[in-house]
N, C-alpha and C. Protein backbone atom coordinates (compact mmCIF):
# COMPACT_ATOMS: atom_id res chain seq x y z
N MET A 1 0.85 -1.15 0.00
CA MET A 1 0.00 0.00 0.00
C MET A 1 0.90 1.23 0.00
N PRO A 2 0.53 2.22 -0.78
CA PRO A 2 1.31 3.46 -0.79
C PRO A 2 1.28 4.13 0.59
N GLU A 3 2.38 4.74 0.96
CA GLU A 3 2.49 5.37 2.28
C GLU A 3 1.41 6.42 2.50
N ALA A 4 1.07 7.16 1.44
CA ALA A 4 0.07 8.22 1.58
C ALA A 4 -1.29 7.66 2.00
N VAL A 5 -1.59 6.44 1.60
CA VAL A 5 -2.86 5.83 2.00
C VAL A 5 -2.87 5.57 3.50
N ALA A 6 -1.78 5.07 4.01
CA ALA A 6 -1.70 4.74 5.43
C ALA A 6 -1.57 5.98 6.32
N ARG A 7 -0.91 7.00 5.83
CA ARG A 7 -0.63 8.17 6.67
C ARG A 7 -1.48 9.39 6.33
N GLY A 8 -2.19 9.33 5.24
CA GLY A 8 -2.97 10.48 4.80
C GLY A 8 -4.11 10.82 5.76
N VAL A 9 -4.48 12.06 5.78
CA VAL A 9 -5.58 12.54 6.62
C VAL A 9 -6.76 12.83 5.71
N VAL A 10 -7.90 12.29 6.07
CA VAL A 10 -9.13 12.54 5.33
C VAL A 10 -10.09 13.26 6.26
N ARG A 11 -10.64 14.35 5.79
CA ARG A 11 -11.62 15.10 6.58
C ARG A 11 -12.96 15.02 5.87
N LEU A 12 -13.89 14.35 6.52
CA LEU A 12 -15.23 14.21 5.98
C LEU A 12 -16.13 15.25 6.64
N THR A 13 -16.79 16.05 5.82
CA THR A 13 -17.59 17.14 6.39
C THR A 13 -19.06 17.09 5.99
N ASP A 14 -19.42 16.29 5.02
CA ASP A 14 -20.79 16.25 4.53
C ASP A 14 -21.62 15.34 5.44
N GLU A 15 -22.53 15.93 6.17
CA GLU A 15 -23.36 15.18 7.13
C GLU A 15 -24.25 14.14 6.45
N ARG A 16 -24.45 14.26 5.15
CA ARG A 16 -25.28 13.27 4.44
C ARG A 16 -24.64 11.89 4.45
N ARG A 17 -23.36 11.82 4.77
CA ARG A 17 -22.69 10.51 4.80
C ARG A 17 -23.33 9.58 5.82
N TYR A 18 -23.96 10.12 6.84
CA TYR A 18 -24.59 9.28 7.85
C TYR A 18 -25.89 8.64 7.37
N ASP A 19 -26.39 9.09 6.22
CA ASP A 19 -27.58 8.49 5.62
C ASP A 19 -27.25 7.29 4.74
N VAL A 20 -25.99 7.10 4.42
CA VAL A 20 -25.57 5.98 3.57
C VAL A 20 -25.65 4.69 4.39
N PRO A 21 -26.36 3.67 3.88
CA PRO A 21 -26.43 2.41 4.63
C PRO A 21 -25.04 1.80 4.83
N VAL A 22 -24.82 1.28 6.04
CA VAL A 22 -23.53 0.69 6.40
C VAL A 22 -23.76 -0.75 6.83
N LEU A 23 -22.92 -1.63 6.32
CA LEU A 23 -22.92 -3.03 6.73
C LEU A 23 -21.57 -3.34 7.35
N VAL A 24 -21.58 -3.81 8.58
CA VAL A 24 -20.35 -4.24 9.24
C VAL A 24 -20.35 -5.77 9.22
N VAL A 25 -19.39 -6.34 8.51
CA VAL A 25 -19.23 -7.78 8.46
C VAL A 25 -18.33 -8.18 9.63
N CYS A 26 -18.81 -9.09 10.45
CA CYS A 26 -18.12 -9.47 11.69
C CYS A 26 -17.52 -10.87 11.54
N PRO A 27 -16.26 -10.96 11.07
CA PRO A 27 -15.67 -12.27 10.81
C PRO A 27 -14.94 -12.90 12.00
N GLU A 28 -14.38 -12.09 12.87
CA GLU A 28 -13.60 -12.61 14.01
C GLU A 28 -14.15 -12.12 15.34
N PHE A 29 -15.30 -11.52 15.29
CA PHE A 29 -15.96 -11.00 16.48
C PHE A 29 -17.45 -11.05 16.21
N THR A 30 -18.24 -10.98 17.25
CA THR A 30 -19.69 -11.07 17.08
C THR A 30 -20.29 -9.68 16.84
N PRO A 31 -21.48 -9.66 16.26
CA PRO A 31 -22.17 -8.37 16.14
C PRO A 31 -22.39 -7.71 17.50
N GLU A 32 -22.59 -8.52 18.54
CA GLU A 32 -22.78 -7.96 19.88
C GLU A 32 -21.51 -7.27 20.36
N GLN A 33 -20.36 -7.88 20.09
CA GLN A 33 -19.09 -7.24 20.46
C GLN A 33 -18.91 -5.94 19.69
N ALA A 34 -19.20 -5.97 18.40
CA ALA A 34 -19.07 -4.76 17.58
C ALA A 34 -20.00 -3.67 18.09
N ARG A 35 -21.22 -4.03 18.44
CA ARG A 35 -22.18 -3.05 18.96
C ARG A 35 -21.64 -2.45 20.27
N GLY A 36 -21.04 -3.26 21.10
CA GLY A 36 -20.45 -2.76 22.34
C GLY A 36 -19.33 -1.77 22.08
N TRP A 37 -18.49 -2.07 21.09
CA TRP A 37 -17.40 -1.15 20.75
C TRP A 37 -17.95 0.16 20.20
N ILE A 38 -18.97 0.05 19.35
CA ILE A 38 -19.58 1.25 18.78
C ILE A 38 -20.22 2.09 19.89
N ASP A 39 -21.03 1.43 20.73
CA ASP A 39 -21.69 2.14 21.82
C ASP A 39 -20.70 2.70 22.83
N GLY A 40 -19.53 2.07 22.94
CA GLY A 40 -18.50 2.51 23.87
C GLY A 40 -17.62 3.63 23.34
N GLY A 41 -17.88 4.07 22.11
CA GLY A 41 -17.14 5.20 21.55
C GLY A 41 -15.94 4.84 20.71
N ASP A 42 -15.72 3.54 20.45
CA ASP A 42 -14.55 3.14 19.68
C ASP A 42 -14.69 3.38 18.18
N ALA A 43 -15.91 3.61 17.71
CA ALA A 43 -16.15 3.84 16.28
C ALA A 43 -17.18 4.95 16.13
N PRO A 44 -16.78 6.21 16.37
CA PRO A 44 -17.75 7.31 16.37
C PRO A 44 -18.48 7.50 15.05
N GLU A 45 -17.83 7.23 13.94
CA GLU A 45 -18.51 7.36 12.64
C GLU A 45 -19.66 6.36 12.54
N LEU A 46 -19.42 5.13 13.00
CA LEU A 46 -20.48 4.12 12.95
C LEU A 46 -21.61 4.46 13.92
N ALA A 47 -21.29 5.06 15.04
CA ALA A 47 -22.31 5.43 16.02
C ALA A 47 -23.28 6.45 15.44
N LYS A 48 -22.84 7.24 14.49
CA LYS A 48 -23.69 8.27 13.89
C LYS A 48 -24.46 7.77 12.67
N ALA A 49 -24.15 6.57 12.19
CA ALA A 49 -24.82 6.03 11.01
C ALA A 49 -26.30 5.81 11.31
N LYS A 50 -27.15 6.25 10.40
CA LYS A 50 -28.60 6.11 10.59
C LYS A 50 -29.11 4.75 10.16
N HIS A 51 -28.37 4.07 9.31
CA HIS A 51 -28.77 2.76 8.79
C HIS A 51 -27.57 1.82 8.93
N LEU A 52 -27.49 1.14 10.07
CA LEU A 52 -26.34 0.30 10.39
C LEU A 52 -26.79 -1.12 10.63
N ASP A 53 -26.22 -2.05 9.87
CA ASP A 53 -26.48 -3.47 10.08
C ASP A 53 -25.16 -4.16 10.39
N LEU A 54 -25.22 -5.12 11.28
CA LEU A 54 -24.05 -5.93 11.63
C LEU A 54 -24.40 -7.38 11.34
N VAL A 55 -23.54 -8.07 10.60
CA VAL A 55 -23.81 -9.47 10.27
C VAL A 55 -22.63 -10.33 10.68
N ASP A 56 -22.95 -11.51 11.16
CA ASP A 56 -21.94 -12.46 11.63
C ASP A 56 -21.56 -13.41 10.51
N ILE A 57 -20.28 -13.68 10.37
CA ILE A 57 -19.78 -14.69 9.46
C ILE A 57 -18.55 -15.30 10.13
N ASP A 58 -18.67 -16.56 10.50
CA ASP A 58 -17.59 -17.25 11.21
C ASP A 58 -16.56 -17.71 10.19
N SER A 59 -15.62 -16.82 9.88
CA SER A 59 -14.73 -17.08 8.75
C SER A 59 -13.26 -16.82 9.02
N GLY A 60 -12.94 -16.18 10.12
CA GLY A 60 -11.57 -15.73 10.29
C GLY A 60 -11.37 -14.39 9.59
N HIS A 61 -10.13 -13.97 9.51
CA HIS A 61 -9.80 -12.62 9.04
C HIS A 61 -10.13 -12.36 7.57
N TRP A 62 -10.12 -13.36 6.73
CA TRP A 62 -10.31 -13.16 5.29
C TRP A 62 -11.53 -13.90 4.78
N PRO A 63 -12.75 -13.42 5.04
CA PRO A 63 -13.94 -14.15 4.59
C PRO A 63 -14.02 -14.28 3.07
N MET A 64 -13.38 -13.37 2.35
CA MET A 64 -13.42 -13.46 0.89
C MET A 64 -12.62 -14.67 0.39
N LEU A 65 -11.76 -15.21 1.25
CA LEU A 65 -11.00 -16.41 0.89
C LEU A 65 -11.58 -17.67 1.53
N THR A 66 -12.02 -17.55 2.77
CA THR A 66 -12.46 -18.74 3.50
C THR A 66 -13.95 -19.04 3.34
N ARG A 67 -14.77 -18.03 3.09
CA ARG A 67 -16.23 -18.21 2.96
C ARG A 67 -16.77 -17.30 1.86
N PRO A 68 -16.23 -17.36 0.65
CA PRO A 68 -16.62 -16.39 -0.38
C PRO A 68 -18.10 -16.44 -0.76
N ASP A 69 -18.69 -17.63 -0.81
CA ASP A 69 -20.10 -17.72 -1.19
C ASP A 69 -20.99 -17.09 -0.14
N GLU A 70 -20.71 -17.38 1.12
CA GLU A 70 -21.51 -16.79 2.20
C GLU A 70 -21.33 -15.28 2.26
N LEU A 71 -20.11 -14.81 2.09
CA LEU A 71 -19.85 -13.37 2.08
C LEU A 71 -20.60 -12.71 0.93
N ALA A 72 -20.57 -13.33 -0.24
CA ALA A 72 -21.28 -12.77 -1.40
C ALA A 72 -22.78 -12.68 -1.12
N ARG A 73 -23.34 -13.71 -0.49
CA ARG A 73 -24.77 -13.67 -0.15
C ARG A 73 -25.08 -12.54 0.83
N LEU A 74 -24.24 -12.37 1.83
CA LEU A 74 -24.45 -11.29 2.80
C LEU A 74 -24.42 -9.92 2.13
N LEU A 75 -23.44 -9.72 1.26
CA LEU A 75 -23.30 -8.44 0.56
C LEU A 75 -24.45 -8.21 -0.41
N ALA A 76 -24.85 -9.25 -1.13
CA ALA A 76 -25.96 -9.12 -2.08
C ALA A 76 -27.26 -8.80 -1.35
N THR A 77 -27.48 -9.44 -0.22
CA THR A 77 -28.68 -9.17 0.57
C THR A 77 -28.68 -7.73 1.07
N ALA A 78 -27.55 -7.28 1.57
CA ALA A 78 -27.45 -5.90 2.06
C ALA A 78 -27.69 -4.91 0.93
N ALA A 79 -27.14 -5.17 -0.24
CA ALA A 79 -27.32 -4.27 -1.38
C ALA A 79 -28.78 -4.25 -1.82
N ALA A 80 -29.42 -5.40 -1.83
CA ALA A 80 -30.82 -5.48 -2.25
C ALA A 80 -31.74 -4.76 -1.28
N ASN A 81 -31.36 -4.73 -0.01
CA ASN A 81 -32.20 -4.09 1.01
C ASN A 81 -31.85 -2.63 1.26
N ALA A 82 -30.83 -2.12 0.58
CA ALA A 82 -30.39 -0.73 0.80
C ALA A 82 -31.33 0.25 0.14
């Protein structure tokens, strides 16, 4: 990855971003754990999302490699419901 990607600063100012549906795929943690982190202030952007779904997939770190069909179904369902 280019250094600028890792070190760059992005400033998001358009409040409409919170209206964009968000799907959190939970491969190594549960949706309940993710909700706790969000509610605890660890992910302030997600806390402000108006349309937030969390889905569980028991796949390890790389669901696109270990459970690609299930991941594709989760993403397709989220897109269809957005």
